[in-house]
């Protein structure tokens, strides 16, 4: 367990409470199922929302990324889309526990058949943490929640990107966290829809190749792609790097 995700005594035998952003986000999660780690915190940090902007968090789960963004940007309005009814219930409760329920709405629905409540082309930003593994490329966890979070189902990566394109206003921005070894699939999915791509590798520690990356892309953008220096998450001797601490503990934005 990360020292930035601090467990406290469970309120019952089936749930567990974690704290993110040094306690500013309280996250109630299923004890035996999928539990959010640091990826959604980095995703929220690179989503450069401003006051008054509407942000859609696709596959919000228990709400980790949505809540971290809402806490960091008090003027942003966040909508989380989640297919699982149980996850929606957790996310709504977590929004209340974190004191941002008035600005975070959770909508139950499938990105392949979007609920009418979302409309179209109404969001300034879309952020997403899609399942990292292709369907059929890995064993599916027996827990349904873990399976949905880790392995693509009916919706593949290209479907997630098409949905983001549909939901964004013209020139709106997509942010994503994904596995570095899926870069070919990511570029293919973005082609013809998004441009101005900025890639931000997350280096586990100095001298170790990146396994995760963050990306920012603009709907209809034409600027050339950029590969940044990225963020080194851990120090060589262990523990989080100062840059990671500022993001994970102090709710600092990840500027590009």
C-alpha atoms as a PDB file:
ATOM      1  CA  UNK A   1       0.000   0.000   0.000  1.00  0.00           C
ATOM      2  CA  UNK A   2       1.350   3.440  -0.943  1.00  0.00           C
ATOM      3  CA  UNK A   3       2.178   5.810   1.888  1.00  0.00           C
ATOM      4  CA  UNK A   4       0.146   8.367  -0.049  1.00  0.00           C
ATOM      5  CA  UNK A   5      -2.974   6.210   0.088  1.00  0.00           C
ATOM      6  CA  UNK A   6      -3.402   5.788   3.816  1.00  0.00           C
ATOM      7  CA  UNK A   7      -5.844   3.111   5.034  1.00  0.00           C
ATOM      8  CA  UNK A   8      -8.076   3.823   8.002  1.00  0.00           C
ATOM      9  CA  UNK A   9     -10.273   1.312   9.861  1.00  0.00           C
ATOM     10  CA  UNK A  10     -13.019  -0.081   7.631  1.00  0.00           C
ATOM     11  CA  UNK A  11     -16.549   1.166   8.317  1.00  0.00           C
ATOM     12  CA  UNK A  12     -17.783  -2.414   7.792  1.00  0.00           C
ATOM     13  CA  UNK A  13     -16.542  -5.786   6.579  1.00  0.00           C
ATOM     14  CA  UNK A  14     -17.002  -5.017   2.882  1.00  0.00           C
ATOM     15  CA  UNK A  15     -15.566  -1.529   2.442  1.00  0.00           C
ATOM     16  CA  UNK A  16     -12.293   0.251   3.001  1.00  0.00           C
ATOM     17  CA  UNK A  17     -11.482   3.968   3.212  1.00  0.00           C
ATOM     18  CA  UNK A  18      -8.371   5.466   1.607  1.00  0.00           C
ATOM     19  CA  UNK A  19      -7.157   9.065   1.675  1.00  0.00           C
ATOM     20  CA  UNK A  20      -5.737  10.801  -1.414  1.00  0.00           C
ATOM     21  CA  UNK A  21      -4.068  14.214  -1.693  1.00  0.00           C
ATOM     22  CA  UNK A  22      -2.972  14.123   1.924  1.00  0.00           C
ATOM     23  CA  UNK A  23      -6.522  13.517   3.137  1.00  0.00           C
ATOM     24  CA  UNK A  24      -8.343  16.067   0.987  1.00  0.00           C
ATOM     25  CA  UNK A  25     -10.057  13.227  -0.898  1.00  0.00           C
ATOM     26  CA  UNK A  26     -11.725  10.438   1.049  1.00  0.00           C
ATOM     27  CA  UNK A  27     -12.254   7.323  -1.039  1.00  0.00           C
ATOM     28  CA  UNK A  28     -14.536   4.533   0.113  1.00  0.00           C
ATOM     29  CA  UNK A  29     -13.772   1.411  -1.947  1.00  0.00           C
ATOM     30  CA  UNK A  30     -14.732  -2.281  -1.957  1.00  0.00           C
ATOM     31  CA  UNK A  31     -12.538  -4.238   0.421  1.00  0.00           C
ATOM     32  CA  UNK A  32     -11.990  -7.245  -1.835  1.00  0.00           C
ATOM     33  CA  UNK A  33     -12.370  -5.646  -5.253  1.00  0.00           C
ATOM     34  CA  UNK A  34     -10.581  -3.100  -7.421  1.00  0.00           C
ATOM     35  CA  UNK A  35      -8.873  -0.288  -5.510  1.00  0.00           C
ATOM     36  CA  UNK A  36      -7.607   2.904  -7.178  1.00  0.00           C
ATOM     37  CA  UNK A  37      -3.895   3.692  -6.821  1.00  0.00           C
ATOM     38  CA  UNK A  38      -1.866   6.691  -8.024  1.00  0.00           C
ATOM     39  CA  UNK A  39      -2.666   6.615 -11.762  1.00  0.00           C
ATOM     40  CA  UNK A  40      -5.952   8.561 -11.419  1.00  0.00           C
ATOM     41  CA  UNK A  41      -4.212  11.143  -9.219  1.00  0.00           C
ATOM     42  CA  UNK A  42      -1.684  11.818 -11.991  1.00  0.00           C
ATOM     43  CA  UNK A  43      -4.527  11.897 -14.530  1.00  0.00           C
ATOM     44  CA  UNK A  44      -6.346  14.575 -12.547  1.00  0.00           C
ATOM     45  CA  UNK A  45      -3.108  16.539 -12.145  1.00  0.00           C
ATOM     46  CA  UNK A  46      -2.494  16.767 -15.896  1.00  0.00           C
ATOM     47  CA  UNK A  47      -6.098  17.742 -16.669  1.00  0.00           C
ATOM     48  CA  UNK A  48      -5.673  21.504 -16.796  1.00  0.00           C
ATOM     49  CA  UNK A  49      -9.284  22.486 -16.128  1.00  0.00           C
ATOM     50  CA  UNK A  50     -10.137  26.067 -15.324  1.00  0.00           C
ATOM     51  CA  UNK A  51     -12.900  27.628 -13.283  1.00  0.00           C
ATOM     52  CA  UNK A  52     -16.278  27.170 -14.961  1.00  0.00           C
ATOM     53  CA  UNK A  53     -15.137  24.370 -17.249  1.00  0.00           C
ATOM     54  CA  UNK A  54     -17.084  21.114 -17.580  1.00  0.00           C
ATOM     55  CA  UNK A  55     -15.010  17.937 -17.376  1.00  0.00           C
ATOM     56  CA  UNK A  56     -16.148  14.386 -18.143  1.00  0.00           C
ATOM     57  CA  UNK A  57     -14.369  11.526 -16.367  1.00  0.00           C
ATOM     58  CA  UNK A  58     -15.031   8.373 -18.405  1.00  0.00           C
ATOM     59  CA  UNK A  59     -15.048   5.142 -16.408  1.00  0.00           C
ATOM     60  CA  UNK A  60     -14.948   7.043 -13.147  1.00  0.00           C
ATOM     61  CA  UNK A  61     -15.072   3.943 -10.917  1.00  0.00           C
ATOM     62  CA  UNK A  62     -15.198   5.038  -7.282  1.00  0.00           C
ATOM     63  CA  UNK A  63     -14.412   8.601  -8.363  1.00  0.00           C
ATOM     64  CA  UNK A  64     -10.699   8.954  -7.619  1.00  0.00           C
ATOM     65  CA  UNK A  65      -9.719  11.118 -10.625  1.00  0.00           C
ATOM     66  CA  UNK A  66     -12.950  13.126 -10.610  1.00  0.00           C
ATOM     67  CA  UNK A  67     -12.632  13.956  -6.917  1.00  0.00           C
ATOM     68  CA  UNK A  68      -8.939  14.828  -7.120  1.00  0.00           C
ATOM     69  CA  UNK A  69      -9.693  17.253  -9.959  1.00  0.00           C
ATOM     70  CA  UNK A  70     -12.678  18.786  -8.173  1.00  0.00           C
ATOM     71  CA  UNK A  71     -10.597  19.324  -5.030  1.00  0.00           C
ATOM     72  CA  UNK A  72      -7.704  20.876  -6.966  1.00  0.00           C
ATOM     73  CA  UNK A  73      -9.892  23.152  -9.131  1.00  0.00           C
ATOM     74  CA  UNK A  74     -12.742  24.481  -6.955  1.00  0.00           C
ATOM     75  CA  UNK A  75     -14.463  26.165  -9.910  1.00  0.00           C
ATOM     76  CA  UNK A  76     -14.603  23.106 -12.180  1.00  0.00           C
ATOM     77  CA  UNK A  77     -17.749  21.019 -12.689  1.00  0.00           C
ATOM     78  CA  UNK A  78     -17.061  17.300 -13.103  1.00  0.00           C
ATOM     79  CA  UNK A  79     -19.316  14.549 -14.461  1.00  0.00           C
ATOM     80  CA  UNK A  80     -18.300  10.932 -13.993  1.00  0.00           C
ATOM     81  CA  UNK A  81     -19.628   8.227 -16.338  1.00  0.00           C
ATOM     82  CA  UNK A  82     -19.592   4.704 -14.930  1.00  0.00           C
ATOM     83  CA  UNK A  83     -21.167   1.498 -16.220  1.00  0.00           C
ATOM     84  CA  UNK A  84     -21.334  -0.374 -12.896  1.00  0.00           C
ATOM     85  CA  UNK A  85     -24.172   0.600 -10.568  1.00  0.00           C
ATOM     86  CA  UNK A  86     -22.190  -0.418  -7.475  1.00  0.00           C
ATOM     87  CA  UNK A  87     -19.246   1.755  -8.497  1.00  0.00           C
ATOM     88  CA  UNK A  88     -21.618   4.681  -9.101  1.00  0.00           C
ATOM     89  CA  UNK A  89     -22.925   4.319  -5.565  1.00  0.00           C
ATOM     90  CA  UNK A  90     -19.396   4.419  -4.172  1.00  0.00           C
ATOM     91  CA  UNK A  91     -18.478   7.452  -6.303  1.00  0.00           C
ATOM     92  CA  UNK A  92     -21.537   9.428  -5.209  1.00  0.00           C
ATOM     93  CA  UNK A  93     -20.859   8.668  -1.574  1.00  0.00           C
ATOM     94  CA  UNK A  94     -17.193   9.592  -1.999  1.00  0.00           C
ATOM     95  CA  UNK A  95     -18.127  12.942  -3.525  1.00  0.00           C
ATOM     96  CA  UNK A  96     -20.156  13.687  -0.412  1.00  0.00           C
ATOM     97  CA  UNK A  97     -17.403  12.446   1.915  1.00  0.00           C
ATOM     98  CA  UNK A  98     -14.890  14.679   0.114  1.00  0.00           C
ATOM     99  CA  UNK A  99     -17.157  17.742   0.266  1.00  0.00           C
ATOM    100  CA  UNK A 100     -17.572  18.228  -3.498  1.00  0.00           C
ATOM    101  CA  UNK A 101     -20.971  16.640  -4.154  1.00  0.00           C
ATOM    102  CA  UNK A 102     -22.351  19.948  -5.432  1.00  0.00           C
ATOM    103  CA  UNK A 103     -19.812  19.940  -8.291  1.00  0.00           C
ATOM    104  CA  UNK A 104     -19.397  16.222  -9.027  1.00  0.00           C
ATOM    105  CA  UNK A 105     -22.233  14.308 -10.688  1.00  0.00           C
ATOM    106  CA  UNK A 106     -22.048  10.581 -11.367  1.00  0.00           C
ATOM    107  CA  UNK A 107     -24.050   9.204 -14.304  1.00  0.00           C
ATOM    108  CA  UNK A 108     -24.619   5.480 -14.750  1.00  0.00           C
ATOM    109  CA  UNK A 109     -24.246   4.348 -18.337  1.00  0.00           C
ATOM    110  CA  UNK A 110     -22.253   2.710 -21.112  1.00  0.00           C
ATOM    111  CA  UNK A 111     -20.007   4.712 -23.428  1.00  0.00           C
ATOM    112  CA  UNK A 112     -21.194   2.494 -26.309  1.00  0.00           C
ATOM    113  CA  UNK A 113     -24.770   3.658 -25.649  1.00  0.00           C
ATOM    114  CA  UNK A 114     -24.330   7.017 -23.907  1.00  0.00           C
ATOM    115  CA  UNK A 115     -27.151   8.158 -21.622  1.00  0.00           C
ATOM    116  CA  UNK A 116     -29.110  11.166 -22.837  1.00  0.00           C
ATOM    117  CA  UNK A 117     -28.070  13.078 -19.721  1.00  0.00           C
ATOM    118  CA  UNK A 118     -24.593  13.558 -21.181  1.00  0.00           C
ATOM    119  CA  UNK A 119     -25.707  15.213 -24.407  1.00  0.00           C
ATOM    120  CA  UNK A 120     -23.019  15.677 -27.064  1.00  0.00           C
ATOM    121  CA  UNK A 121     -20.127  18.083 -27.568  1.00  0.00           C
ATOM    122  CA  UNK A 122     -20.789  19.775 -24.258  1.00  0.00           C
ATOM    123  CA  UNK A 123     -17.536  19.242 -22.353  1.00  0.00           C
ATOM    124  CA  UNK A 124     -14.399  21.354 -22.321  1.00  0.00           C
ATOM    125  CA  UNK A 125     -12.281  18.382 -21.256  1.00  0.00           C
ATOM    126  CA  UNK A 126     -12.548  14.608 -21.159  1.00  0.00           C
ATOM    127  CA  UNK A 127     -10.237  12.529 -18.980  1.00  0.00           C
ATOM    128  CA  UNK A 128     -10.014   8.754 -18.920  1.00  0.00           C
ATOM    129  CA  UNK A 129      -8.172   5.818 -17.382  1.00  0.00           C
ATOM    130  CA  UNK A 130      -9.247   2.992 -19.746  1.00  0.00           C
ATOM    131  CA  UNK A 131      -8.624  -0.707 -19.065  1.00  0.00           C
ATOM    132  CA  UNK A 132      -4.961  -1.264 -19.812  1.00  0.00           C
ATOM    133  CA  UNK A 133      -5.129  -4.755 -21.346  1.00  0.00           C
ATOM    134  CA  UNK A 134      -6.625  -5.833 -24.664  1.00  0.00           C
ATOM    135  CA  UNK A 135      -9.465  -8.320 -24.571  1.00  0.00           C
ATOM    136  CA  UNK A 136      -8.026 -11.803 -25.013  1.00  0.00           C
ATOM    137  CA  UNK A 137      -4.471 -10.665 -24.259  1.00  0.00           C
ATOM    138  CA  UNK A 138      -4.553 -11.539 -20.568  1.00  0.00           C
ATOM    139  CA  UNK A 139      -6.378 -13.710 -18.070  1.00  0.00           C
ATOM    140  CA  UNK A 140      -9.555 -12.032 -16.857  1.00  0.00           C
ATOM    141  CA  UNK A 141      -9.651 -11.619 -13.049  1.00  0.00           C
ATOM    142  CA  UNK A 142     -12.497 -13.570 -11.428  1.00  0.00           C
ATOM    143  CA  UNK A 143     -13.717 -10.437  -9.661  1.00  0.00           C
ATOM    144  CA  UNK A 144     -16.037  -8.610 -12.072  1.00  0.00           C
ATOM    145  CA  UNK A 145     -14.977  -5.172 -10.897  1.00  0.00           C
ATOM    146  CA  UNK A 146     -11.271  -5.900 -11.310  1.00  0.00           C
ATOM    147  CA  UNK A 147     -11.964  -7.452 -14.710  1.00  0.00           C
ATOM    148  CA  UNK A 148     -13.792  -4.360 -15.950  1.00  0.00           C
ATOM    149  CA  UNK A 149     -11.043  -2.064 -14.661  1.00  0.00           C
ATOM    150  CA  UNK A 150      -8.113  -4.021 -16.082  1.00  0.00           C
ATOM    151  CA  UNK A 151      -9.221  -5.752 -19.295  1.00  0.00           C
ATOM    152  CA  UNK A 152     -11.110  -4.244 -22.222  1.00  0.00           C
ATOM    153  CA  UNK A 153     -14.649  -5.533 -22.663  1.00  0.00           C
ATOM    154  CA  UNK A 154     -17.084  -4.718 -25.455  1.00  0.00           C
ATOM    155  CA  UNK A 155     -15.548  -1.236 -25.718  1.00  0.00           C
ATOM    156  CA  UNK A 156     -11.962  -1.190 -26.963  1.00  0.00           C
ATOM    157  CA  UNK A 157      -9.518   1.703 -26.771  1.00  0.00           C
ATOM    158  CA  UNK A 158     -10.691   3.107 -30.119  1.00  0.00           C
ATOM    159  CA  UNK A 159     -14.274   3.215 -28.768  1.00  0.00           C
ATOM    160  CA  UNK A 160     -13.127   5.199 -25.735  1.00  0.00           C
ATOM    161  CA  UNK A 161     -11.374   7.739 -27.968  1.00  0.00           C
ATOM    162  CA  UNK A 162     -14.333   8.037 -30.345  1.00  0.00           C
ATOM    163  CA  UNK A 163     -16.581   8.653 -27.355  1.00  0.00           C
ATOM    164  CA  UNK A 164     -14.267  11.402 -26.104  1.00  0.00           C
ATOM    165  CA  UNK A 165     -14.397  13.020 -29.544  1.00  0.00           C
ATOM    166  CA  UNK A 166     -18.196  12.913 -29.442  1.00  0.00           C
ATOM    167  CA  UNK A 167     -18.403  14.460 -25.973  1.00  0.00           C
ATOM    168  CA  UNK A 168     -15.884  17.270 -26.454  1.00  0.00           C
ATOM    169  CA  UNK A 169     -16.543  20.759 -27.678  1.00  0.00           C
ATOM    170  CA  UNK A 170     -14.562  21.834 -30.771  1.00  0.00           C
ATOM    171  CA  UNK A 171     -10.907  22.232 -29.748  1.00  0.00           C
ATOM    172  CA  UNK A 172     -11.648  20.478 -26.451  1.00  0.00           C
ATOM    173  CA  UNK A 173      -8.916  18.530 -24.690  1.00  0.00           C
ATOM    174  CA  UNK A 174      -8.520  14.808 -23.980  1.00  0.00           C
ATOM    175  CA  UNK A 175      -6.268  13.561 -21.174  1.00  0.00           C
ATOM    176  CA  UNK A 176      -5.492   9.897 -20.595  1.00  0.00           C
ATOM    177  CA  UNK A 177      -3.294   7.603 -18.525  1.00  0.00           C
ATOM    178  CA  UNK A 178      -2.344   4.279 -20.091  1.00  0.00           C
ATOM    179  CA  UNK A 179       0.386   1.663 -20.467  1.00  0.00           C
ATOM    180  CA  UNK A 180       3.451   2.750 -22.409  1.00  0.00           C
ATOM    181  CA  UNK A 181       3.401  -0.484 -24.432  1.00  0.00           C
ATOM    182  CA  UNK A 182      -0.007   0.460 -25.879  1.00  0.00           C
ATOM    183  CA  UNK A 183       1.392   3.558 -27.607  1.00  0.00           C
ATOM    184  CA  UNK A 184       0.808   2.145 -31.115  1.00  0.00           C
ATOM    185  CA  UNK A 185      -2.854   1.514 -30.317  1.00  0.00           C
ATOM    186  CA  UNK A 186      -3.203   4.950 -28.740  1.00  0.00           C
ATOM    187  CA  UNK A 187      -1.751   6.761 -31.759  1.00  0.00           C
ATOM    188  CA  UNK A 188      -3.945   4.753 -34.111  1.00  0.00           C
ATOM    189  CA  UNK A 189      -7.068   5.606 -32.094  1.00  0.00           C
ATOM    190  CA  UNK A 190      -6.216   9.325 -32.003  1.00  0.00           C
ATOM    191  CA  UNK A 191      -5.403   9.627 -35.716  1.00  0.00           C
ATOM    192  CA  UNK A 192      -7.787  11.849 -37.643  1.00  0.00           C
ATOM    193  CA  UNK A 193      -9.596  13.015 -34.513  1.00  0.00           C
ATOM    194  CA  UNK A 194      -7.002  14.531 -32.200  1.00  0.00           C
ATOM    195  CA  UNK A 195      -3.732  16.397 -32.662  1.00  0.00           C
ATOM    196  CA  UNK A 196      -1.259  18.482 -30.728  1.00  0.00           C
ATOM    197  CA  UNK A 197      -0.339  15.346 -28.813  1.00  0.00           C
ATOM    198  CA  UNK A 198       1.825  15.742 -25.707  1.00  0.00           C
ATOM    199  CA  UNK A 199       3.243  12.560 -24.150  1.00  0.00           C
ATOM    200  CA  UNK A 200       4.420  12.547 -20.529  1.00  0.00           C
ATOM    201  CA  UNK A 201       6.243   9.354 -19.483  1.00  0.00           C
ATOM    202  CA  UNK A 202       6.030   8.273 -15.856  1.00  0.00           C
ATOM    203  CA  UNK A 203       9.438   6.844 -14.971  1.00  0.00           C
ATOM    204  CA  UNK A 204       9.255   4.373 -12.027  1.00  0.00           C
ATOM    205  CA  UNK A 205      12.716   5.513 -10.851  1.00  0.00           C
ATOM    206  CA  UNK A 206      15.921   6.860 -12.453  1.00  0.00           C
ATOM    207  CA  UNK A 207      17.256   4.538 -15.145  1.00  0.00           C
ATOM    208  CA  UNK A 208      14.118   2.367 -15.329  1.00  0.00           C
ATOM    209  CA  UNK A 209      12.007   2.363 -18.487  1.00  0.00           C
ATOM    210  CA  UNK A 210       8.531   3.841 -18.404  1.00  0.00           C
ATOM    211  CA  UNK A 211       5.562   1.512 -18.038  1.00  0.00           C
ATOM    212  CA  UNK A 212       2.904   4.240 -17.760  1.00  0.00           C
ATOM    213  CA  UNK A 213       2.379   7.432 -19.662  1.00  0.00           C
ATOM    214  CA  UNK A 214       0.073  10.414 -19.584  1.00  0.00           C
ATOM    215  CA  UNK A 215      -1.098  12.111 -22.736  1.00  0.00           C
ATOM    216  CA  UNK A 216      -2.849  15.320 -23.682  1.00  0.00           C
ATOM    217  CA  UNK A 217      -4.434  15.813 -27.111  1.00  0.00           C
ATOM    218  CA  UNK A 218      -6.716  18.438 -28.636  1.00  0.00           C
ATOM    219  CA  UNK A 219      -9.809  17.660 -30.680  1.00  0.00           C
ATOM    220  CA  UNK A 220      -9.062  18.737 -34.235  1.00  0.00           C
ATOM    221  CA  UNK A 221      -5.593  19.910 -33.215  1.00  0.00           C
ATOM    222  CA  UNK A 222      -2.817  20.255 -35.791  1.00  0.00           C
ATOM    223  CA  UNK A 223       0.223  21.150 -33.702  1.00  0.00           C
ATOM    224  CA  UNK A 224       3.163  18.711 -33.877  1.00  0.00           C
ATOM    225  CA  UNK A 225       3.479  16.045 -31.215  1.00  0.00           C
ATOM    226  CA  UNK A 226       5.798  16.540 -28.232  1.00  0.00           C
ATOM    227  CA  UNK A 227       7.525  14.077 -25.936  1.00  0.00           C
ATOM    228  CA  UNK A 228       8.272  15.692 -22.574  1.00  0.00           C
ATOM    229  CA  UNK A 229      10.897  14.832 -19.985  1.00  0.00           C
ATOM    230  CA  UNK A 230       8.132  13.232 -17.948  1.00  0.00           C
ATOM    231  CA  UNK A 231       7.996  12.634 -14.208  1.00  0.00           C
ATOM    232  CA  UNK A 232      10.238  10.326 -12.183  1.00  0.00           C
ATOM    233  CA  UNK A 233       7.897   8.830  -9.589  1.00  0.00           C
ATOM    234  CA  UNK A 234      10.361   7.283  -7.098  1.00  0.00           C
ATOM    235  CA  UNK A 235      13.837   8.193  -5.931  1.00  0.00           C
ATOM    236  CA  UNK A 236      16.615   5.653  -6.554  1.00  0.00           C
ATOM    237  CA  UNK A 237      16.872   4.962  -2.834  1.00  0.00           C
ATOM    238  CA  UNK A 238      13.100   4.546  -2.443  1.00  0.00           C
ATOM    239  CA  UNK A 239      10.214   6.804  -1.571  1.00  0.00           C
ATOM    240  CA  UNK A 240       8.480   9.272  -3.838  1.00  0.00           C
ATOM    241  CA  UNK A 241      10.462  11.921  -5.682  1.00  0.00           C
ATOM    242  CA  UNK A 242       9.897  15.590  -4.756  1.00  0.00           C
ATOM    243  CA  UNK A 243       8.034  16.131  -8.058  1.00  0.00           C
ATOM    244  CA  UNK A 244       5.732  13.174  -7.362  1.00  0.00           C
ATOM    245  CA  UNK A 245       5.164  14.297  -3.770  1.00  0.00           C
ATOM    246  CA  UNK A 246       3.979  17.708  -4.955  1.00  0.00           C
ATOM    247  CA  UNK A 247       1.421  16.045  -7.231  1.00  0.00           C
ATOM    248  CA  UNK A 248       0.318  13.146  -5.038  1.00  0.00           C
ATOM    249  CA  UNK A 249       0.345  14.860  -1.662  1.00  0.00           C
ATOM    250  CA  UNK A 250       0.096  18.604  -2.303  1.00  0.00           C
ATOM    251  CA  UNK A 251      -2.427  18.503  -5.204  1.00  0.00           C
ATOM    252  CA  UNK A 252      -0.070  20.392  -7.496  1.00  0.00           C
ATOM    253  CA  UNK A 253      -0.952  20.504 -11.189  1.00  0.00           C
ATOM    254  CA  UNK A 254       1.301  18.680 -13.642  1.00  0.00           C
ATOM    255  CA  UNK A 255       2.133  21.423 -16.102  1.00  0.00           C
ATOM    256  CA  UNK A 256       3.325  20.727 -19.631  1.00  0.00           C
END
